[in-house]
Structures are given as C-alpha cells and as structure tokens.
N, C-alpha and C. Protein backbone atom coordinates (compact mmCIF):
# COMPACT_ATOMS: atom_id res chain seq x y z
N MET A 1 -13.58 -55.92 23.36
CA MET A 1 -14.08 -55.62 22.18
C MET A 1 -13.36 -55.72 21.44
N GLY A 2 -13.37 -55.95 19.81
CA GLY A 2 -12.65 -56.35 18.72
C GLY A 2 -12.27 -55.13 17.73
N ILE A 3 -11.58 -55.04 17.27
CA ILE A 3 -11.26 -53.94 15.98
C ILE A 3 -11.81 -53.88 15.48
N PHE A 4 -13.06 -54.74 14.80
CA PHE A 4 -14.31 -54.27 13.97
C PHE A 4 -15.92 -53.68 15.03
N ASP A 5 -15.54 -54.24 16.33
CA ASP A 5 -16.77 -53.94 16.95
C ASP A 5 -17.03 -52.59 16.94
N ARG A 6 -16.29 -51.41 17.17
CA ARG A 6 -16.68 -49.98 17.57
C ARG A 6 -17.54 -50.10 15.93
N PHE A 7 -16.98 -50.30 15.27
CA PHE A 7 -18.42 -49.63 13.69
C PHE A 7 -19.34 -50.54 13.72
N LYS A 8 -19.79 -51.51 14.63
CA LYS A 8 -21.15 -51.80 14.84
C LYS A 8 -21.84 -50.89 15.52
N ASP A 9 -21.04 -50.25 16.12
CA ASP A 9 -21.82 -49.31 17.46
C ASP A 9 -21.92 -48.15 16.24
N ASN A 10 -21.37 -47.79 15.69
CA ASN A 10 -21.27 -46.72 14.63
C ASN A 10 -22.57 -46.88 13.16
N GLU A 11 -23.52 -48.68 13.44
CA GLU A 11 -23.78 -48.38 12.41
C GLU A 11 -25.14 -48.27 12.69
N ASP A 12 -25.50 -48.15 14.36
CA ASP A 12 -26.38 -47.01 14.47
C ASP A 12 -26.71 -45.70 14.66
N LYS A 13 -25.45 -45.33 14.53
CA LYS A 13 -25.78 -44.10 14.24
C LYS A 13 -25.46 -43.26 13.10
N LYS A 14 -25.14 -44.23 12.46
CA LYS A 14 -24.92 -43.99 10.83
C LYS A 14 -25.87 -42.77 10.15
N ASP A 15 -27.00 -42.38 10.86
CA ASP A 15 -27.83 -41.38 10.13
C ASP A 15 -28.21 -40.18 11.15
N ALA A 16 -27.26 -40.24 12.08
CA ALA A 16 -27.08 -39.36 12.89
C ALA A 16 -26.34 -38.25 12.31
N LYS A 17 -26.54 -36.77 12.21
CA LYS A 17 -26.13 -36.08 11.79
C LYS A 17 -24.61 -35.32 13.18
N PRO A 18 -23.29 -35.26 12.33
CA PRO A 18 -22.21 -34.78 13.44
C PRO A 18 -22.75 -33.05 14.53
N ASP A 19 -22.42 -33.05 15.71
CA ASP A 19 -23.11 -32.27 16.67
C ASP A 19 -21.99 -31.30 16.22
N PHE A 20 -22.01 -29.84 15.37
CA PHE A 20 -20.84 -28.81 15.89
C PHE A 20 -21.07 -27.76 16.86
N SER A 21 -21.65 -28.15 17.66
CA SER A 21 -22.79 -26.99 18.55
C SER A 21 -21.21 -26.67 19.71
N ASN A 22 -20.63 -27.29 19.65
CA ASN A 22 -19.04 -26.17 20.05
C ASN A 22 -17.90 -25.42 19.59
N VAL A 23 -18.09 -25.69 18.48
CA VAL A 23 -17.63 -25.21 17.59
C VAL A 23 -17.27 -23.49 17.49
N GLN A 24 -15.63 -22.63 17.34
CA GLN A 24 -16.18 -21.18 17.45
C GLN A 24 -16.04 -21.04 15.96
N SER A 25 -16.60 -19.85 15.86
CA SER A 25 -15.99 -18.94 14.66
C SER A 25 -14.92 -18.08 15.09
N GLY A 26 -13.82 -17.59 13.90
CA GLY A 26 -13.32 -16.68 13.98
C GLY A 26 -11.99 -17.43 13.05
N GLY A 27 -10.77 -16.56 13.52
CA GLY A 27 -9.89 -17.06 12.28
C GLY A 27 -8.79 -17.75 12.92
N SER A 28 -7.74 -18.61 12.09
CA SER A 28 -6.94 -19.54 12.49
C SER A 28 -6.50 -19.58 13.36
N SER A 29 -6.26 -20.32 14.40
CA SER A 29 -5.05 -19.90 15.94
C SER A 29 -4.30 -20.11 15.48
N THR A 30 -3.01 -20.91 13.84
CA THR A 30 -2.20 -20.88 13.40
C THR A 30 -1.57 -19.89 12.37
N ALA A 31 -2.90 -19.18 11.82
CA ALA A 31 -2.16 -18.18 10.72
C ALA A 31 -1.26 -16.96 11.42
N ALA A 32 -1.05 -16.50 10.93
CA ALA A 32 -0.30 -15.01 11.11
C ALA A 32 -0.92 -14.19 10.72
N PRO A 33 -0.82 -13.16 11.18
CA PRO A 33 -2.03 -12.03 11.31
C PRO A 33 -1.37 -11.36 9.96
N PRO A 34 -2.14 -10.25 8.93
CA PRO A 34 -1.35 -9.91 7.62
C PRO A 34 -0.42 -8.75 8.17
N ALA A 35 1.32 -9.15 7.38
CA ALA A 35 2.26 -7.78 7.80
C ALA A 35 1.90 -6.67 6.94
N THR A 36 2.08 -5.64 7.94
CA THR A 36 1.79 -4.06 7.66
C THR A 36 3.37 -3.55 7.69
N PRO A 37 3.46 -3.20 6.25
CA PRO A 37 5.32 -2.23 6.50
C PRO A 37 4.89 -1.22 6.97
N PRO A 38 6.41 -0.69 7.94
CA PRO A 38 6.52 0.63 8.58
C PRO A 38 6.43 1.73 8.27
N PRO A 39 5.97 2.58 8.27
CA PRO A 39 6.08 3.79 7.93
C PRO A 39 7.09 4.20 7.16
N VAL A 40 7.28 5.10 6.22
CA VAL A 40 8.57 5.21 5.89
C VAL A 40 8.40 6.68 5.82
N ALA A 41 9.64 7.62 6.18
CA ALA A 41 9.32 8.99 6.00
C ALA A 41 9.88 9.34 4.72
N GLY A 42 8.73 10.43 4.48
CA GLY A 42 9.36 10.99 3.12
C GLY A 42 7.65 10.42 2.45
N ILE A 43 7.49 9.14 2.23
CA ILE A 43 6.79 8.32 1.37
C ILE A 43 5.42 9.21 1.53
N GLY A 44 4.61 9.34 0.57
CA GLY A 44 3.06 9.28 1.00
C GLY A 44 2.57 10.51 1.34
N THR A 45 3.06 11.58 1.45
CA THR A 45 3.05 12.94 2.00
C THR A 45 3.33 14.30 1.25
N ALA A 46 2.25 14.66 0.45
CA ALA A 46 3.43 15.80 -1.08
C ALA A 46 3.38 16.92 0.05
N ARG A 47 3.97 17.79 -1.11
CA ARG A 47 4.14 19.20 0.14
C ARG A 47 4.35 20.42 -1.30
N THR A 48 4.86 21.48 -1.08
CA THR A 48 5.25 22.26 -1.85
C THR A 48 6.23 22.27 -1.63
N TYR A 49 6.87 23.35 -3.05
CA TYR A 49 8.27 24.14 -3.03
C TYR A 49 8.23 25.39 -4.10
N THR A 50 8.84 26.07 -3.43
CA THR A 50 8.58 27.21 -3.85
C THR A 50 10.18 27.59 -4.45
N VAL A 51 9.85 27.95 -5.54
CA VAL A 51 11.06 28.29 -7.25
C VAL A 51 12.26 28.73 -6.72
N VAL A 52 13.34 28.81 -6.61
CA VAL A 52 14.08 29.60 -6.53
C VAL A 52 15.03 29.70 -8.57
N LYS A 53 15.59 31.29 -7.93
CA LYS A 53 16.46 31.29 -9.84
C LYS A 53 17.87 29.91 -9.87
N GLY A 54 17.70 29.86 -10.89
CA GLY A 54 18.30 28.93 -11.53
C GLY A 54 17.89 27.28 -11.24
N ASP A 55 16.74 27.16 -10.31
CA ASP A 55 15.92 25.85 -10.69
C ASP A 55 15.53 25.50 -12.29
N SER A 56 15.39 24.25 -11.93
CA SER A 56 14.79 23.49 -13.25
C SER A 56 13.63 22.46 -13.39
N LEU A 57 12.72 22.49 -13.04
CA LEU A 57 12.35 20.83 -13.04
C LEU A 57 12.74 19.32 -13.27
N SER A 58 13.86 19.00 -13.87
CA SER A 58 14.96 18.21 -13.69
C SER A 58 15.92 18.71 -12.21
N LYS A 59 16.22 19.61 -12.14
CA LYS A 59 16.37 19.79 -10.87
C LYS A 59 16.09 19.63 -9.30
N ILE A 60 15.00 20.33 -9.46
CA ILE A 60 14.08 19.79 -8.39
C ILE A 60 13.92 18.53 -8.20
N ALA A 61 13.68 17.79 -9.40
CA ALA A 61 13.22 15.98 -8.82
C ALA A 61 14.71 15.32 -9.08
N LYS A 62 15.44 16.04 -9.13
CA LYS A 62 16.79 15.15 -8.78
C LYS A 62 17.38 15.65 -7.24
N ARG A 63 16.89 16.76 -6.54
CA ARG A 63 16.72 16.84 -5.71
C ARG A 63 15.92 16.35 -4.45
N GLU A 64 14.54 16.02 -4.99
CA GLU A 64 13.64 15.58 -4.10
C GLU A 64 13.00 14.10 -4.37
N TYR A 65 13.26 13.31 -5.65
CA TYR A 65 13.21 12.26 -5.61
C TYR A 65 14.31 11.42 -6.11
N GLY A 66 16.03 11.88 -6.00
CA GLY A 66 16.95 11.35 -6.97
C GLY A 66 16.95 10.69 -7.89
N ASP A 67 16.02 11.44 -8.50
CA ASP A 67 16.44 11.01 -10.30
C ASP A 67 15.90 11.88 -11.43
N ALA A 68 16.48 13.07 -12.40
CA ALA A 68 16.42 14.25 -12.37
C ALA A 68 15.10 13.58 -13.90
N ASN A 69 15.58 12.36 -13.88
CA ASN A 69 14.11 12.66 -15.09
C ASN A 69 13.11 12.10 -14.65
N ALA A 70 12.66 12.47 -13.52
CA ALA A 70 11.27 12.25 -12.84
C ALA A 70 10.71 13.64 -12.79
N TRP A 71 11.12 15.08 -13.73
CA TRP A 71 10.60 16.00 -13.59
C TRP A 71 9.47 16.01 -14.03
N ASN A 72 8.97 15.20 -15.11
CA ASN A 72 7.06 14.71 -16.00
C ASN A 72 6.40 14.85 -14.14
N ARG A 73 6.54 14.18 -12.98
CA ARG A 73 5.60 14.00 -12.08
C ARG A 73 5.27 15.64 -11.29
N ILE A 74 6.52 16.14 -11.59
CA ILE A 74 6.19 17.44 -10.71
C ILE A 74 5.63 18.12 -11.94
N TYR A 75 5.91 18.06 -12.75
CA TYR A 75 5.09 19.09 -13.93
C TYR A 75 3.45 18.33 -13.94
N GLU A 76 3.48 17.48 -14.63
CA GLU A 76 1.95 17.02 -14.66
C GLU A 76 1.08 17.82 -13.54
N ALA A 77 1.48 17.34 -11.71
CA ALA A 77 1.22 17.57 -10.98
C ALA A 77 0.66 19.42 -10.19
N ASN A 78 1.71 20.17 -11.71
CA ASN A 78 1.61 20.97 -11.25
C ASN A 78 0.90 22.15 -13.34
N ARG A 79 0.19 20.76 -13.56
CA ARG A 79 -0.59 21.93 -14.96
C ARG A 79 -0.79 23.25 -14.83
N ASP A 80 -1.87 23.31 -14.17
CA ASP A 80 -2.40 23.90 -14.39
C ASP A 80 -1.78 25.35 -14.06
N ILE A 81 0.01 25.44 -13.48
CA ILE A 81 0.27 26.95 -13.40
C ILE A 81 1.56 26.81 -14.29
N ILE A 82 1.63 25.47 -14.70
CA ILE A 82 3.19 25.58 -15.52
C ILE A 82 2.97 25.21 -17.05
N LYS A 83 2.55 26.27 -17.79
CA LYS A 83 2.50 26.62 -19.22
C LYS A 83 3.16 25.12 -20.00
N ASN A 84 4.72 25.52 -20.18
CA ASN A 84 5.85 25.01 -21.08
C ASN A 84 6.89 24.76 -19.49
N PRO A 85 6.82 23.30 -19.79
CA PRO A 85 8.48 22.52 -18.52
C PRO A 85 9.20 23.21 -18.70
N ASP A 86 9.64 23.91 -19.25
CA ASP A 86 10.83 24.54 -19.20
C ASP A 86 11.06 25.69 -19.18
N LEU A 87 9.84 26.34 -18.78
CA LEU A 87 9.68 27.49 -18.32
C LEU A 87 9.14 27.79 -17.16
N ILE A 88 9.50 27.91 -16.05
CA ILE A 88 9.11 28.01 -14.87
C ILE A 88 9.95 29.16 -13.60
N TYR A 89 9.30 29.99 -13.62
CA TYR A 89 9.84 31.31 -12.73
C TYR A 89 10.03 31.04 -11.13
N PRO A 90 10.84 31.82 -10.73
CA PRO A 90 11.54 31.94 -8.80
C PRO A 90 10.15 32.49 -8.20
N GLY A 91 9.46 32.19 -7.26
CA GLY A 91 8.44 32.45 -6.54
C GLY A 91 7.48 31.68 -6.90
N GLN A 92 6.85 30.77 -7.52
CA GLN A 92 6.06 29.93 -7.93
C GLN A 92 6.13 28.80 -7.16
N ASN A 93 4.82 28.41 -6.33
CA ASN A 93 4.60 27.49 -5.80
C ASN A 93 4.13 26.29 -6.43
N LEU A 94 4.96 25.14 -6.35
CA LEU A 94 4.73 24.02 -6.53
C LEU A 94 4.30 22.61 -5.91
N LYS A 95 3.62 22.00 -6.17
CA LYS A 95 3.02 20.38 -5.80
C LYS A 95 4.21 19.76 -5.98
N ILE A 96 4.86 19.04 -4.99
CA ILE A 96 5.90 18.28 -5.11
C ILE A 96 5.08 16.71 -4.65
N PRO A 97 4.68 15.79 -5.87
CA PRO A 97 3.91 14.84 -5.72
C PRO A 97 4.57 14.06 -4.15
N ALA A 98 4.14 12.73 -3.84
CA ALA A 98 4.19 11.77 -3.13
C ALA A 98 5.55 11.65 -3.43
N LYS A 99 6.64 10.54 -2.85
CA LYS A 99 7.46 9.75 -3.57
C LYS A 99 7.27 8.25 -3.51
N GLY A 100 7.77 7.44 -4.27
CA GLY A 100 6.45 5.77 -4.08
C GLY A 100 6.69 5.57 -5.34
C-alpha cells in the first residue's frame, strides 16, 4: 500500500458521518477541580456585643476588626438602635457584622 492509497479508501466513505457512539459525556480528565478556599475562623459569622462603660464604636471596631476607622460598619448594622454614633450606652447589644 502506497502513501496515497489510504486516501482512495476514504473516497468511498466521503459521505459517511463520523461515529461518536462511544463518546461519553462529562468533564475533561485533565481539568483540575475548582479550588475552594479553606474556611477562616471569624469570617462570615456575625455576632453580638454588649456595650460596657468607656466603649465607643471606634474602640469596638479596633478590637473586632483591627481598624478603628471601621466603626461605620457597626453603626450601619445597628441604625435601628443607635441614633447618634457618638452616643452608645452600657448594656446596649450591638450586632457586629462579619469580618471580610
């Protein structure tokens, strides 16, 4: 059989459709599964905090988030009970939004 003889065989099958009956559906075997980040403690969980004497929203934010300038996050989450962000009172239960 010469190098061009195999094309002569294909001329007879020129109108034939390819047979994909043995192809299986599913994902690529070479593709890596999507990575999911590991859960981080403290992120994604909201909690409550009871105000004590001497607290301010910025002090609470510094303790909870490590950034005193994040006081507004706590204020926005508690607008229903805090009318003035400069006036919070001991005994108030504040929602502390999740870190993140």
